[in-house]
């Protein structure tokens, strides 16, 4: 089949924090994409605010560079398995991958995940061992580990014939051996020589797979994908969809290609090119079909979600204070709109018109959605996450994860005990980064809920956890959940220093003095297993001897302000997380204490 020798389409894949986005920065700079005097932020591809704050890539993004007459379209993909849907759709646009691996850490769980996806698509790879300037770098050992990983994933002889380069994305150097190279030219040369040019179907009409959806404030929906055959032009009537019997029609408005970080409008684009087009209401997985074409391309498969949460309308006493979008209609529209572009997300209606079941790849996947919505002005509540079980041959199965923990040797016992308590089974112990051991477990996905915070506390913040979906297996049996009860407020008002000081021996509080609270709001973690109702608004009675200003000498006791992920992990079955643009509040589902007591008594009665 004919090819376009002037073009390469590749995806950069890696475990989270192995430096692929920094490497893209260096490729853009050394290809002349930026002017010499142009100031450009680090990790320029991480344009989403949450990506910059968390230091991770969440959305796959397109860019391009030119080198010796060849245009290289680059897709920077997420490294976290929770955003695997982004990886899967990105791989549908490319003909090869650049696998980036940290020279000290070596292949990690997400390395295995993203490489497995690339090998399943039969995409040839170039391997870049990054960060060789780290003090604990072990590049040759990592090279051997990468080869072992390819073999373990079933790569055939063709896919095993991959070149390996060593270098540093931050320093902008690459070489065929560690310490060689003055710039990234060896990497550019290898990419062009080893990765195949895109094949094009000559004489065929237009067929283009939609792999991504974007939005433009002025032009509306923007569909992004790769042209497999034919020519794409503005102002043309097209059909689109997945099923030949239910194709829709529309007219293209503008066609863009990627040049550096910009979209550049063009009069036409040929097969093999990655493009963006406006004017069509197509969705991810649709094929755009030109005149005479009626058979859509096969849409890429996407792994199913493993975790679900209930999103509901906020009905707390403080509802409506912060948000602009409060009603079930607002929440519903936003969730279904997200599902159009977030291919790994599922949204379902429930029996209640005010609640929606949202399923995703993991806690991070769902927490990013929650954080994005609150920043957009939405106000809502979410319940405790639950794993999605499935029935196979009359037997219920649950999702399992491969968990990798890097931990100092002195904390091995605590990590193994806590993970074992959550039904994790140890499968491998090996040397990790300098001064640590690497433990590999198979663990039910529900055992991971709250595990990160527990291990960080037990190892004084030294444990490093990574996990990736490993498949479904037999239900592991009961897992002991949270061992501590909640401290629950009993009246409306502001938390006082006086009350928090005198309640300090009851637990750790999630609120500070002057924080507004309401009855049924969870204000802390109890030192015992049962919940305890507390009055955090109580103040010292003023007399002719003492005055309320005497509180200035008091200290409120231990407190911990929970992040979004920590709050989600803390949730009990009967609790909700109230999410607003300005606040995160834990609360009981039933706020009235008497109603909660009646429910507890009803549960305890023999059936």
Protein backbone atom coordinates (compact mmCIF):
# COMPACT_ATOMS: atom_id res chain seq x y z
CA UNK A 1 0.00 0.00 0.00
CA UNK A 2 1.36 3.50 -0.81
CA UNK A 3 2.80 5.57 2.04
CA UNK A 4 3.55 9.22 2.75
CA UNK A 5 7.31 9.44 3.27
CA UNK A 6 7.04 13.09 4.34
CA UNK A 7 5.00 12.26 7.44
CA UNK A 8 5.24 10.31 10.72
CA UNK A 9 2.50 9.93 13.33
CA UNK A 10 3.63 8.81 16.78
CA UNK A 11 2.40 8.71 20.36
CA UNK A 12 4.67 9.22 23.36
CA UNK A 13 3.77 6.72 26.08
CA UNK A 14 5.18 6.27 29.57
CA UNK A 15 4.44 5.66 33.23
CA UNK A 16 3.36 8.81 35.05
CA UNK A 17 6.26 11.16 35.91
CA UNK A 18 8.84 9.43 33.70
CA UNK A 19 9.39 12.69 31.82
CA UNK A 20 7.63 12.35 28.47
CA UNK A 21 6.02 15.81 28.54
CA UNK A 22 9.39 17.39 29.36
CA UNK A 23 10.86 15.43 26.44
CA UNK A 24 8.17 16.86 24.14
CA UNK A 25 9.24 20.35 25.30
CA UNK A 26 12.82 19.58 24.20
CA UNK A 27 11.68 18.15 20.85
CA UNK A 28 9.67 21.30 20.18
CA UNK A 29 12.58 23.58 21.09
CA UNK A 30 15.25 21.75 19.11
CA UNK A 31 13.07 21.40 16.02
CA UNK A 32 12.85 25.20 15.79
CA UNK A 33 9.16 25.33 16.68
CA UNK A 34 9.86 28.18 19.11
CA UNK A 35 11.81 31.34 18.33
CA UNK A 36 15.16 31.66 20.11
CA UNK A 37 13.87 34.57 22.20
CA UNK A 38 10.40 33.09 22.79
CA UNK A 39 9.53 32.45 26.42
CA UNK A 40 7.69 29.16 26.85
CA UNK A 41 6.52 27.55 30.09
CA UNK A 42 7.90 24.18 31.14
CA UNK A 43 5.67 21.21 30.26
CA UNK A 44 3.98 23.39 27.65
CA UNK A 45 1.76 20.50 26.55
CA UNK A 46 0.19 20.34 30.02
CA UNK A 47 -2.13 23.27 29.33
CA UNK A 48 -4.97 22.10 31.60
CA UNK A 49 -4.73 23.79 35.04
CA UNK A 50 -5.07 20.51 36.94
CA UNK A 51 -2.24 19.00 34.87
CA UNK A 52 0.14 21.77 35.89
CA UNK A 53 -0.92 21.61 39.54
CA UNK A 54 -0.58 17.84 39.81
CA UNK A 55 2.36 17.40 37.45
CA UNK A 56 0.59 14.76 35.36
CA UNK A 57 -0.87 14.56 31.87
CA UNK A 58 -4.63 14.00 31.91
CA UNK A 59 -5.72 14.68 28.33
CA UNK A 60 -4.01 13.41 25.19
CA UNK A 61 -2.84 16.37 23.10
CA UNK A 62 -1.55 16.90 19.57
CA UNK A 63 1.45 18.82 18.33
CA UNK A 64 3.93 18.54 15.47
CA UNK A 65 7.57 19.23 14.63
CA UNK A 66 9.51 19.33 11.35
CA UNK A 67 12.88 17.64 10.91
CA UNK A 68 14.83 17.33 7.64
CA UNK A 69 11.75 17.68 5.46
CA UNK A 70 9.60 15.27 7.48
CA UNK A 71 6.63 16.38 9.56
CA UNK A 72 6.25 14.43 12.81
CA UNK A 73 2.77 14.56 14.38
CA UNK A 74 3.14 13.85 18.11
CA UNK A 75 0.42 12.82 20.55
CA UNK A 76 1.39 13.30 24.22
CA UNK A 77 -0.60 10.72 26.18
CA UNK A 78 -1.40 10.36 29.91
CA UNK A 79 0.80 8.07 31.97
CA UNK A 80 -1.78 7.16 34.62
CA UNK A 81 -3.92 4.08 34.01
CA UNK A 82 -7.05 5.93 35.18
CA UNK A 83 -6.82 7.89 31.92
CA UNK A 84 -6.29 4.81 29.77
CA UNK A 85 -9.22 5.85 27.58
CA UNK A 86 -7.12 8.80 26.43
CA UNK A 87 -4.26 6.42 25.57
CA UNK A 88 -6.51 4.06 23.62
CA UNK A 89 -8.00 6.76 21.41
CA UNK A 90 -4.58 8.38 20.89
CA UNK A 91 -3.12 5.12 19.62
CA UNK A 92 -5.82 4.97 16.93
CA UNK A 93 -4.23 8.04 15.29
CA UNK A 94 -0.61 6.88 15.07
CA UNK A 95 1.68 4.37 13.34
CA UNK A 96 4.25 3.94 16.13
CA UNK A 97 5.16 4.87 19.68
CA UNK A 98 8.04 6.40 21.60
CA UNK A 99 8.22 4.58 24.95
CA UNK A 100 9.89 6.66 27.68
CA UNK A 101 11.24 4.83 30.74
CA UNK A 102 12.93 6.34 33.82
CA UNK A 103 16.59 5.25 34.05
CA UNK A 104 16.29 4.68 37.82
CA UNK A 105 12.75 3.36 38.33
CA UNK A 106 12.61 1.21 35.19
CA UNK A 107 9.31 -0.23 33.89
CA UNK A 108 6.40 0.46 36.25
CA UNK A 109 2.74 -0.68 36.28
CA UNK A 110 1.58 2.00 33.86
CA UNK A 111 4.56 1.26 31.59
CA UNK A 112 3.21 -2.27 31.27
CA UNK A 113 -0.32 -0.98 30.67
CA UNK A 114 0.47 1.56 27.91
CA UNK A 115 2.96 -0.75 26.21
CA UNK A 116 0.43 -3.60 26.22
CA UNK A 117 -2.06 -1.31 24.44
CA UNK A 118 0.57 -0.36 21.84
CA UNK A 119 1.55 -3.98 21.21
CA UNK A 120 -2.10 -5.02 20.89
CA UNK A 121 -2.39 -2.39 18.13
CA UNK A 122 0.84 -3.83 16.62
CA UNK A 123 2.59 -0.47 16.75
CA UNK A 124 6.42 -0.55 16.46
CA UNK A 125 8.29 1.22 19.25
CA UNK A 126 11.39 3.29 19.88
CA UNK A 127 12.55 3.16 23.52
CA UNK A 128 14.06 6.21 25.23
CA UNK A 129 15.71 5.58 28.62
CA UNK A 130 15.24 8.99 30.22
CA UNK A 131 16.82 10.76 33.20
CA UNK A 132 20.24 9.11 32.87
CA UNK A 133 21.60 12.14 34.76
CA UNK A 134 19.91 10.90 37.94
CA UNK A 135 22.35 9.91 40.67
CA UNK A 136 20.67 6.52 41.03
CA UNK A 137 20.35 5.87 37.27
CA UNK A 138 20.95 2.30 36.08
CA UNK A 139 20.35 2.60 32.32
CA UNK A 140 21.65 -0.79 31.14
CA UNK A 141 19.68 -2.68 33.78
CA UNK A 142 16.57 -0.74 32.76
CA UNK A 143 17.23 -1.60 29.08
CA UNK A 144 17.25 -5.31 30.00
CA UNK A 145 14.07 -4.87 32.07
CA UNK A 146 12.34 -3.23 29.10
CA UNK A 147 13.27 -6.14 26.85
CA UNK A 148 11.92 -8.56 29.45
CA UNK A 149 8.69 -6.58 29.54
CA UNK A 150 8.27 -6.76 25.73
CA UNK A 151 8.78 -10.53 25.89
CA UNK A 152 6.39 -10.93 28.83
CA UNK A 153 3.71 -9.03 26.88
CA UNK A 154 4.02 -11.40 23.94
CA UNK A 155 5.78 -9.15 21.42
CA UNK A 156 6.75 -11.04 18.24
CA UNK A 157 10.15 -10.83 16.53
CA UNK A 158 9.12 -7.79 14.48
CA UNK A 159 8.01 -5.78 17.52
CA UNK A 160 11.03 -6.98 19.55
CA UNK A 161 13.33 -5.32 17.01
CA UNK A 162 13.20 -1.92 18.72
CA UNK A 163 16.06 0.61 18.99
CA UNK A 164 17.03 1.97 22.41
CA UNK A 165 18.39 5.46 23.08
CA UNK A 166 19.64 6.95 26.32
CA UNK A 167 19.44 10.57 27.39
CA UNK A 168 17.73 13.31 29.33
CA UNK A 169 14.62 15.15 28.24
CA UNK A 170 15.38 18.00 30.64
CA UNK A 171 18.92 18.42 29.28
CA UNK A 172 17.76 17.80 25.70
CA UNK A 173 20.32 15.11 24.82
CA UNK A 174 20.09 11.59 23.40
CA UNK A 175 22.57 8.95 22.28
CA UNK A 176 22.86 5.29 21.36
CA UNK A 177 24.88 4.74 24.56
CA UNK A 178 24.65 6.42 28.00
CA UNK A 179 26.67 9.63 28.03
CA UNK A 180 26.70 10.01 24.23
CA UNK A 181 25.00 12.78 22.28
CA UNK A 182 24.98 16.55 22.41
CA UNK A 183 21.34 17.11 21.41
CA UNK A 184 18.24 15.19 20.32
CA UNK A 185 19.25 14.63 16.68
CA UNK A 186 19.95 10.93 17.29
CA UNK A 187 16.38 10.57 18.56
CA UNK A 188 14.91 12.45 15.59
CA UNK A 189 16.93 10.29 13.17
CA UNK A 190 15.86 7.07 14.87
CA UNK A 191 12.17 8.01 14.91
CA UNK A 192 12.18 8.74 11.17
CA UNK A 193 14.23 5.65 10.30
CA UNK A 194 12.40 3.12 12.48
CA UNK A 195 8.77 4.24 12.64
CA UNK A 196 6.78 3.62 9.44
CA UNK A 197 5.18 6.41 7.41
CA UNK A 198 1.37 6.31 7.30
CA UNK A 199 -0.24 4.10 4.69
CA UNK A 200 -2.80 5.76 2.42
CA UNK A 201 -5.49 4.16 0.30
CA UNK A 202 -5.11 5.66 -3.18
CA UNK A 203 -8.19 6.30 -5.25
CA UNK A 204 -10.51 5.93 -2.26
CA UNK A 205 -12.97 8.51 -0.99
CA UNK A 206 -12.70 10.20 2.39
CA UNK A 207 -12.66 8.09 5.54
CA UNK A 208 -11.54 9.64 8.83
CA UNK A 209 -11.75 8.20 12.36
CA UNK A 210 -12.81 10.66 15.09
CA UNK A 211 -10.45 10.10 18.04
CA UNK A 212 -10.99 13.24 20.12
CA UNK A 213 -13.52 15.99 20.76
CA UNK A 214 -12.58 19.55 21.60
CA UNK A 215 -14.59 22.75 21.99
CA UNK A 216 -14.08 26.24 20.61
CA UNK A 217 -15.80 29.27 22.12
CA UNK A 218 -16.65 30.64 18.66
CA UNK A 219 -16.90 27.60 16.39
CA UNK A 220 -18.45 25.02 18.71
CA UNK A 221 -17.49 21.37 18.52
CA UNK A 222 -14.11 20.46 17.06
CA UNK A 223 -13.55 16.83 16.03
CA UNK A 224 -9.98 15.55 15.83
CA UNK A 225 -8.70 12.45 14.12
CA UNK A 226 -6.62 10.91 11.37
CA UNK A 227 -7.57 10.76 7.69
CA UNK A 228 -7.26 7.15 6.53
CA UNK A 229 -8.10 7.76 2.90
CA UNK A 230 -9.10 10.55 0.54
CA UNK A 231 -9.03 14.30 1.01
CA UNK A 232 -10.79 16.44 3.64
CA UNK A 233 -11.96 19.89 2.57
CA UNK A 234 -14.09 22.64 4.15
CA UNK A 235 -17.62 23.24 2.92
CA UNK A 236 -18.26 19.60 1.98
CA UNK A 237 -21.30 17.48 2.82
CA UNK A 238 -20.24 14.38 4.76
CA UNK A 239 -21.91 11.46 6.47
CA UNK A 240 -20.69 10.22 9.85
CA UNK A 241 -21.39 7.54 12.44
CA UNK A 242 -20.49 3.95 13.39
CA UNK A 243 -23.35 1.99 11.82
CA UNK A 244 -23.91 2.19 8.03
CA UNK A 245 -27.67 2.09 8.65
CA UNK A 246 -27.79 5.10 11.00
CA UNK A 247 -25.33 7.58 9.47
CA UNK A 248 -25.94 11.29 10.04
CA UNK A 249 -25.09 14.12 7.66
CA UNK A 250 -23.37 17.46 8.12
CA UNK A 251 -21.19 20.03 6.39
CA UNK A 252 -17.58 20.78 7.31
CA UNK A 253 -16.85 24.42 8.10
CA UNK A 254 -13.08 24.67 8.62
CA UNK A 255 -10.21 22.19 8.45
CA UNK A 256 -7.05 22.55 10.52
CA UNK A 257 -3.71 20.75 10.77
CA UNK A 258 -1.28 20.91 13.70
CA UNK A 259 1.85 23.02 13.34
CA UNK A 260 3.78 23.16 16.61
CA UNK A 261 1.30 24.09 19.32
CA UNK A 262 -1.08 25.82 16.90
CA UNK A 263 -3.94 24.73 14.72
CA UNK A 264 -3.45 26.13 11.22
CA UNK A 265 -6.40 26.45 8.84
CA UNK A 266 -5.86 24.74 5.47
CA UNK A 267 -7.79 24.48 2.19
CA UNK A 268 -7.50 20.68 2.25
CA UNK A 269 -5.76 17.83 4.05
CA UNK A 270 -4.64 14.49 2.62
CA UNK A 271 -4.72 10.93 3.90
CA UNK A 272 -2.27 10.21 6.71
CA UNK A 273 -2.62 13.64 8.32
CA UNK A 274 -3.96 14.30 11.82
CA UNK A 275 -6.55 17.07 11.52
CA UNK A 276 -9.23 19.03 13.36
CA UNK A 277 -12.51 19.95 11.68
CA UNK A 278 -15.48 22.10 12.74
CA UNK A 279 -19.15 22.02 11.77
CA UNK A 280 -19.95 18.39 12.55
CA UNK A 281 -21.74 16.92 15.58
CA UNK A 282 -19.72 13.69 15.38
CA UNK A 283 -18.58 11.84 18.50
CA UNK A 284 -15.50 9.78 19.39
CA UNK A 285 -15.49 6.51 17.45
CA UNK A 286 -17.48 7.89 14.51
CA UNK A 287 -16.10 7.71 10.96
CA UNK A 288 -16.42 10.69 8.61
CA UNK A 289 -17.35 9.42 5.14
CA UNK A 290 -17.08 11.26 1.85
CA UNK A 291 -19.08 10.77 -1.33
CA UNK A 292 -19.29 7.16 -2.43
CA UNK A 293 -18.11 5.77 0.92
CA UNK A 294 -20.59 3.92 3.14
CA UNK A 295 -18.53 1.57 5.36
CA UNK A 296 -17.30 3.13 8.67
CA UNK A 297 -13.94 2.16 10.14
CA UNK A 298 -13.88 -0.14 13.19
CA UNK A 299 -13.88 2.02 16.33
CA UNK A 300 -11.07 1.30 18.83
CA UNK A 301 -12.11 -0.77 21.85
CA UNK A 302 -11.94 0.83 25.28
CA UNK A 303 -11.59 -1.01 28.59
CA UNK A 304 -14.69 -0.86 30.74
CA UNK A 305 -14.87 1.20 33.98
CA UNK A 306 -14.12 -0.52 37.30
CA UNK A 307 -15.34 2.05 39.86
CA UNK A 308 -18.62 3.93 40.25
CA UNK A 309 -20.01 6.75 42.38
CA UNK A 310 -23.41 8.39 42.75
CA UNK A 311 -23.50 12.10 41.84
CA UNK A 312 -26.55 13.84 43.29
CA UNK A 313 -28.03 17.27 43.83
CA UNK A 314 -26.67 19.01 46.93
CA UNK A 315 -29.45 19.22 49.55
CA UNK A 316 -27.40 20.39 52.55
CA UNK A 317 -28.38 23.45 54.61
CA UNK A 318 -25.58 25.38 52.86
CA UNK A 319 -26.73 24.43 49.34
CA UNK A 320 -26.69 27.25 46.79
CA UNK A 321 -24.21 29.48 48.59
CA UNK A 322 -21.29 29.05 46.19
CA UNK A 323 -22.34 27.38 42.98
CA UNK A 324 -23.89 28.68 39.79
CA UNK A 325 -25.14 25.30 38.56
CA UNK A 326 -27.19 23.55 41.22
CA UNK A 327 -30.14 21.69 39.74
CA UNK A 328 -30.40 18.10 38.55
CA UNK A 329 -30.78 19.42 35.01
CA UNK A 330 -27.46 21.26 35.25
CA UNK A 331 -25.65 18.24 36.71
CA UNK A 332 -27.20 15.84 34.21
CA UNK A 333 -26.28 17.95 31.18
CA UNK A 334 -22.71 18.38 32.37
CA UNK A 335 -22.19 14.66 33.05
CA UNK A 336 -23.61 13.53 29.71
CA UNK A 337 -21.57 16.19 27.94
CA UNK A 338 -18.44 14.82 29.62
CA UNK A 339 -19.28 11.30 28.44
CA UNK A 340 -19.15 12.48 24.81
CA UNK A 341 -15.42 13.22 25.00
CA UNK A 342 -14.30 11.07 27.96
CA UNK A 343 -14.49 7.65 26.33
CA UNK A 344 -13.78 5.67 29.54
CA UNK A 345 -16.65 7.31 31.47
CA UNK A 346 -20.18 5.93 31.79
CA UNK A 347 -23.21 7.85 33.10
CA UNK A 348 -26.57 6.25 33.91
CA UNK A 349 -29.88 7.53 35.22
CA UNK A 350 -31.10 6.17 38.57
CA UNK A 351 -34.50 5.73 40.18
CA UNK A 352 -34.12 9.24 41.57
CA UNK A 353 -34.27 12.19 39.14
CA UNK A 354 -31.72 13.95 41.35
CA UNK A 355 -29.02 11.25 41.26
CA UNK A 356 -26.79 9.78 38.54
CA UNK A 357 -24.49 6.75 38.57
CA UNK A 358 -21.07 7.70 37.18
CA UNK A 359 -18.52 4.97 36.41
CA UNK A 360 -14.83 5.46 35.61
CA UNK A 361 -11.42 3.80 35.59
CA UNK A 362 -10.50 4.65 39.18
CA UNK A 363 -10.50 7.18 41.99
CA UNK A 364 -8.22 9.61 40.16
CA UNK A 365 -10.30 9.46 37.00
CA UNK A 366 -13.46 10.38 38.93
CA UNK A 367 -11.80 12.91 41.24
CA UNK A 368 -10.47 14.86 38.24
CA UNK A 369 -14.03 15.07 36.91
CA UNK A 370 -15.29 16.25 40.32
CA UNK A 371 -12.56 18.89 40.62
CA UNK A 372 -13.14 20.11 37.07
CA UNK A 373 -16.88 20.48 37.66
CA UNK A 374 -16.46 22.40 40.93
CA UNK A 375 -14.06 24.82 39.22
CA UNK A 376 -16.66 25.40 36.54
CA UNK A 377 -19.20 26.47 39.19
CA UNK A 378 -21.11 23.24 39.78
CA UNK A 379 -22.40 22.25 43.19
CA UNK A 380 -23.37 18.64 43.98
CA UNK A 381 -22.79 15.67 46.30
CA UNK A 382 -21.02 12.35 45.71
CA UNK A 383 -21.26 9.07 47.58
CA UNK A 384 -18.69 6.47 48.55
CA UNK A 385 -17.01 4.83 45.51
CA UNK A 386 -17.88 1.20 44.82
CA UNK A 387 -16.22 -1.33 42.53
CA UNK A 388 -18.17 -2.70 39.59
CA UNK A 389 -18.67 -6.45 39.84
CA UNK A 390 -19.67 -8.73 36.99
CA UNK A 391 -21.18 -12.20 36.75
CA UNK A 392 -19.25 -14.84 34.81
CA UNK A 393 -20.62 -18.39 34.55
CA UNK A 394 -22.92 -17.87 37.52
CA UNK A 395 -20.07 -16.62 39.69
CA UNK A 396 -19.51 -13.02 40.73
CA UNK A 397 -16.12 -11.53 39.97
CA UNK A 398 -14.52 -8.26 41.04
CA UNK A 399 -11.73 -6.12 39.54
CA UNK A 400 -8.15 -6.68 40.70
CA UNK A 401 -5.19 -4.33 40.48
CA UNK A 402 -1.45 -4.88 40.35
CA UNK A 403 -0.07 -2.76 43.19
CA UNK A 404 3.59 -1.76 43.36
CA UNK A 405 4.88 -0.19 46.59
CA UNK A 406 8.38 1.24 46.96
CA UNK A 407 9.14 1.45 50.67
CA UNK A 408 12.15 1.65 53.04
CA UNK A 409 13.14 -1.73 54.44
CA UNK A 410 12.23 -0.78 58.01
CA UNK A 411 8.60 -0.27 56.95
CA UNK A 412 8.18 -3.55 55.06
CA UNK A 413 6.26 -5.22 57.88
CA UNK A 414 3.71 -2.41 58.24
CA UNK A 415 3.07 -2.29 54.48
CA UNK A 416 2.66 -6.05 54.17
CA UNK A 417 0.35 -6.21 57.19
CA UNK A 418 -1.94 -3.40 56.01
CA UNK A 419 -2.05 -4.66 52.42
CA UNK A 420 -2.73 -8.22 53.61
CA UNK A 421 -5.59 -6.93 55.73
CA UNK A 422 -7.12 -5.67 52.49
CA UNK A 423 -6.79 -9.11 50.81
CA UNK A 424 -3.62 -8.17 48.90
CA UNK A 425 -1.37 -11.10 47.97
CA UNK A 426 2.37 -10.53 47.67
CA UNK A 427 3.73 -11.80 44.35
CA UNK A 428 7.23 -10.29 44.15
CA UNK A 429 9.87 -8.59 46.28
CA UNK A 430 12.82 -6.91 44.54
CA UNK A 431 15.27 -4.06 44.96
CA UNK A 432 13.68 -0.67 44.32
CA UNK A 433 15.24 2.78 44.08
CA UNK A 434 18.27 3.31 46.32
CA UNK A 435 17.55 2.35 49.95
CA UNK A 436 14.14 0.83 49.30
CA UNK A 437 12.44 -2.43 48.43
CA UNK A 438 9.77 -2.89 45.77
CA UNK A 439 6.75 -5.02 46.71
CA UNK A 440 4.31 -6.20 44.05
CA UNK A 441 0.82 -7.28 45.13
CA UNK A 442 -2.35 -8.54 43.51
CA UNK A 443 -5.17 -6.79 45.35
CA UNK A 444 -8.94 -6.30 44.91
CA UNK A 445 -9.64 -2.80 43.61
CA UNK A 446 -11.87 -2.09 46.62
CA UNK A 447 -8.88 -2.80 48.87
CA UNK A 448 -7.13 0.24 47.40
CA UNK A 449 -9.77 2.68 48.66
CA UNK A 450 -8.11 4.54 51.51
CA UNK A 451 -4.91 2.45 51.28
CA UNK A 452 -2.63 5.25 50.06
CA UNK A 453 -3.40 7.49 53.02
CA UNK A 454 -3.07 4.61 55.48
CA UNK A 455 0.37 3.57 54.15
CA UNK A 456 1.63 7.14 54.03
CA UNK A 457 0.70 7.54 57.69
CA UNK A 458 2.36 4.25 58.67
CA UNK A 459 5.57 4.96 56.73
CA UNK A 460 5.80 8.68 57.62
CA UNK A 461 5.13 9.65 54.01
CA UNK A 462 7.91 7.50 52.54
CA UNK A 463 5.83 4.88 50.68
CA UNK A 464 5.36 5.34 46.93
CA UNK A 465 2.31 3.55 45.49
CA UNK A 466 1.44 2.77 41.87
CA UNK A 467 -1.25 0.46 40.57
CA UNK A 468 -2.82 -0.64 37.32
CA UNK A 469 -5.91 -2.68 36.42
CA UNK A 470 -4.99 -6.37 36.16
CA UNK A 471 -8.33 -7.97 35.26
CA UNK A 472 -11.30 -9.61 37.00
CA UNK A 473 -11.07 -12.47 39.46
CA UNK A 474 -13.01 -14.36 42.12
CA UNK A 475 -14.44 -12.23 44.92
CA UNK A 476 -11.90 -12.03 47.73
CA UNK A 477 -14.37 -11.93 50.60
CA UNK A 478 -15.04 -9.17 53.14
CA UNK A 479 -12.53 -6.37 53.54
CA UNK A 480 -12.48 -4.43 56.77
CA UNK A 481 -13.24 -0.82 55.94
CA UNK A 482 -12.44 2.32 57.87
CA UNK A 483 -11.58 1.51 61.46
CA UNK A 484 -12.45 4.89 62.95
CA UNK A 485 -15.84 6.52 63.33
CA UNK A 486 -16.81 10.08 62.48
CA UNK A 487 -17.17 13.15 64.67
CA UNK A 488 -20.54 14.62 63.71
CA UNK A 489 -21.68 18.19 64.41
CA UNK A 490 -24.96 18.65 66.31
CA UNK A 491 -25.77 22.31 65.71
CA UNK A 492 -25.43 25.12 63.20
CA UNK A 493 -22.83 27.81 63.75
CA UNK A 494 -19.10 28.47 63.66
CA UNK A 495 -16.59 26.07 65.13
CA UNK A 496 -14.94 27.69 68.14
CA UNK A 497 -11.42 27.42 69.49
CA UNK A 498 -12.88 26.70 72.93
CA UNK A 499 -14.87 23.68 71.71
CA UNK A 500 -12.11 22.26 69.53
CA UNK A 501 -9.62 22.61 72.40
CA UNK A 502 -11.82 20.73 74.86
CA UNK A 503 -12.70 18.03 72.30
CA UNK A 504 -9.07 17.46 71.27
CA UNK A 505 -8.93 14.07 72.99
CA UNK A 506 -11.86 12.78 70.92
CA UNK A 507 -10.01 12.66 67.60
CA UNK A 508 -8.62 14.68 64.69
CA UNK A 509 -10.78 17.49 63.32
CA UNK A 510 -11.32 18.41 59.66
CA UNK A 511 -12.41 21.96 60.48
CA UNK A 512 -10.64 25.01 61.89
CA UNK A 513 -12.00 27.70 64.22
CA UNK A 514 -14.61 29.91 62.51
CA UNK A 515 -15.52 27.21 59.98
CA UNK A 516 -19.29 27.15 59.50
CA UNK A 517 -20.91 23.79 60.31
CA UNK A 518 -24.41 22.32 60.36
CA UNK A 519 -26.06 19.35 62.12
CA UNK A 520 -25.05 16.09 60.46
CA UNK A 521 -21.83 17.49 59.05
CA UNK A 522 -18.77 15.29 59.61
CA UNK A 523 -16.20 17.50 61.32
CA UNK A 524 -13.51 14.97 62.22
CA UNK A 525 -12.31 11.42 62.73
CA UNK A 526 -13.14 9.75 66.04
CA UNK A 527 -10.47 7.80 67.94
CA UNK A 528 -12.98 4.95 68.38
CA UNK A 529 -14.87 2.85 65.85
CA UNK A 530 -18.31 4.35 66.45
CA UNK A 531 -19.52 7.80 65.40
CA UNK A 532 -19.71 10.48 68.07
CA UNK A 533 -21.89 13.58 68.02
CA UNK A 534 -20.07 16.69 69.21
CA UNK A 535 -20.85 20.36 69.66
CA UNK A 536 -17.97 22.19 67.99
CA UNK A 537 -19.73 25.54 68.28
CA UNK A 538 -19.75 25.72 72.08
CA UNK A 539 -18.15 28.84 73.55
CA UNK A 540 -17.01 29.83 77.04
CA UNK A 541 -19.70 31.55 79.04
CA UNK A 542 -18.80 35.19 79.66
CA UNK A 543 -18.82 36.28 83.36
CA UNK A 544 -17.61 39.29 85.29
CA UNK A 545 -14.36 37.39 85.86
CA UNK A 546 -13.65 35.84 82.45
CA UNK A 547 -14.47 36.92 78.91
CA UNK A 548 -14.59 35.14 75.57
CA UNK A 549 -11.24 36.74 74.64
CA UNK A 550 -9.61 34.30 77.01
CA UNK A 551 -9.94 31.75 74.16
CA UNK A 552 -6.94 33.40 72.55
CA UNK A 553 -4.67 31.42 74.88
CA UNK A 554 -6.27 28.09 73.87
CA UNK A 555 -5.16 25.82 71.06
CA UNK A 556 -7.79 23.98 68.97
CA UNK A 557 -6.07 20.59 69.01
CA UNK A 558 -5.06 18.33 66.10
CA UNK A 559 -6.65 19.02 62.73
CA UNK A 560 -6.25 17.81 59.16
CA UNK A 561 -7.72 19.58 56.14
CA UNK A 562 -8.63 16.86 53.67
CA UNK A 563 -7.84 17.03 49.97
CA UNK A 564 -10.50 15.89 47.51
CA UNK A 565 -8.98 12.39 47.17
CA UNK A 566 -8.58 12.06 50.95
CA UNK A 567 -12.19 13.11 51.52
CA UNK A 568 -13.43 10.53 48.98
CA UNK A 569 -11.34 7.81 50.61
CA UNK A 570 -12.68 8.72 54.08
CA UNK A 571 -16.35 8.34 53.12
CA UNK A 572 -18.38 5.70 54.95
CA UNK A 573 -21.40 3.95 53.44
CA UNK A 574 -23.82 6.38 55.09
CA UNK A 575 -21.89 9.56 54.19
CA UNK A 576 -21.68 12.01 51.29
CA UNK A 577 -19.13 14.53 50.15
CA UNK A 578 -20.66 17.95 49.51
CA UNK A 579 -18.75 19.59 46.64
CA UNK A 580 -18.98 23.33 45.93
CA UNK A 581 -16.65 25.76 44.13
CA UNK A 582 -15.35 27.00 47.50
CA UNK A 583 -15.70 24.08 49.90
CA UNK A 584 -15.56 20.33 50.43
CA UNK A 585 -17.76 19.15 53.31
CA UNK A 586 -18.23 15.61 54.57
CA UNK A 587 -21.73 14.91 55.85
CA UNK A 588 -24.12 12.16 56.80
CA UNK A 589 -26.65 11.15 54.14
CA UNK A 590 -29.38 11.57 56.76
CA UNK A 591 -28.72 14.82 58.63
CA UNK A 592 -31.33 14.45 61.36
CA UNK A 593 -29.73 12.62 64.35
CA UNK A 594 -33.02 11.06 65.47
CA UNK A 595 -33.70 9.68 62.01
CA UNK A 596 -30.18 8.23 61.90
CA UNK A 597 -30.73 6.59 65.29
CA UNK A 598 -34.00 5.02 64.11
CA UNK A 599 -32.26 3.68 61.01
CA UNK A 600 -29.45 2.16 63.10
CA UNK A 601 -31.97 0.46 65.39
CA UNK A 602 -33.87 -0.90 62.40
CA UNK A 603 -30.65 -2.38 60.98
CA UNK A 604 -29.75 -4.04 64.27
CA UNK A 605 -33.13 -5.79 64.67
CA UNK A 606 -33.15 -9.46 63.64
CA UNK A 607 -34.97 -10.00 60.36
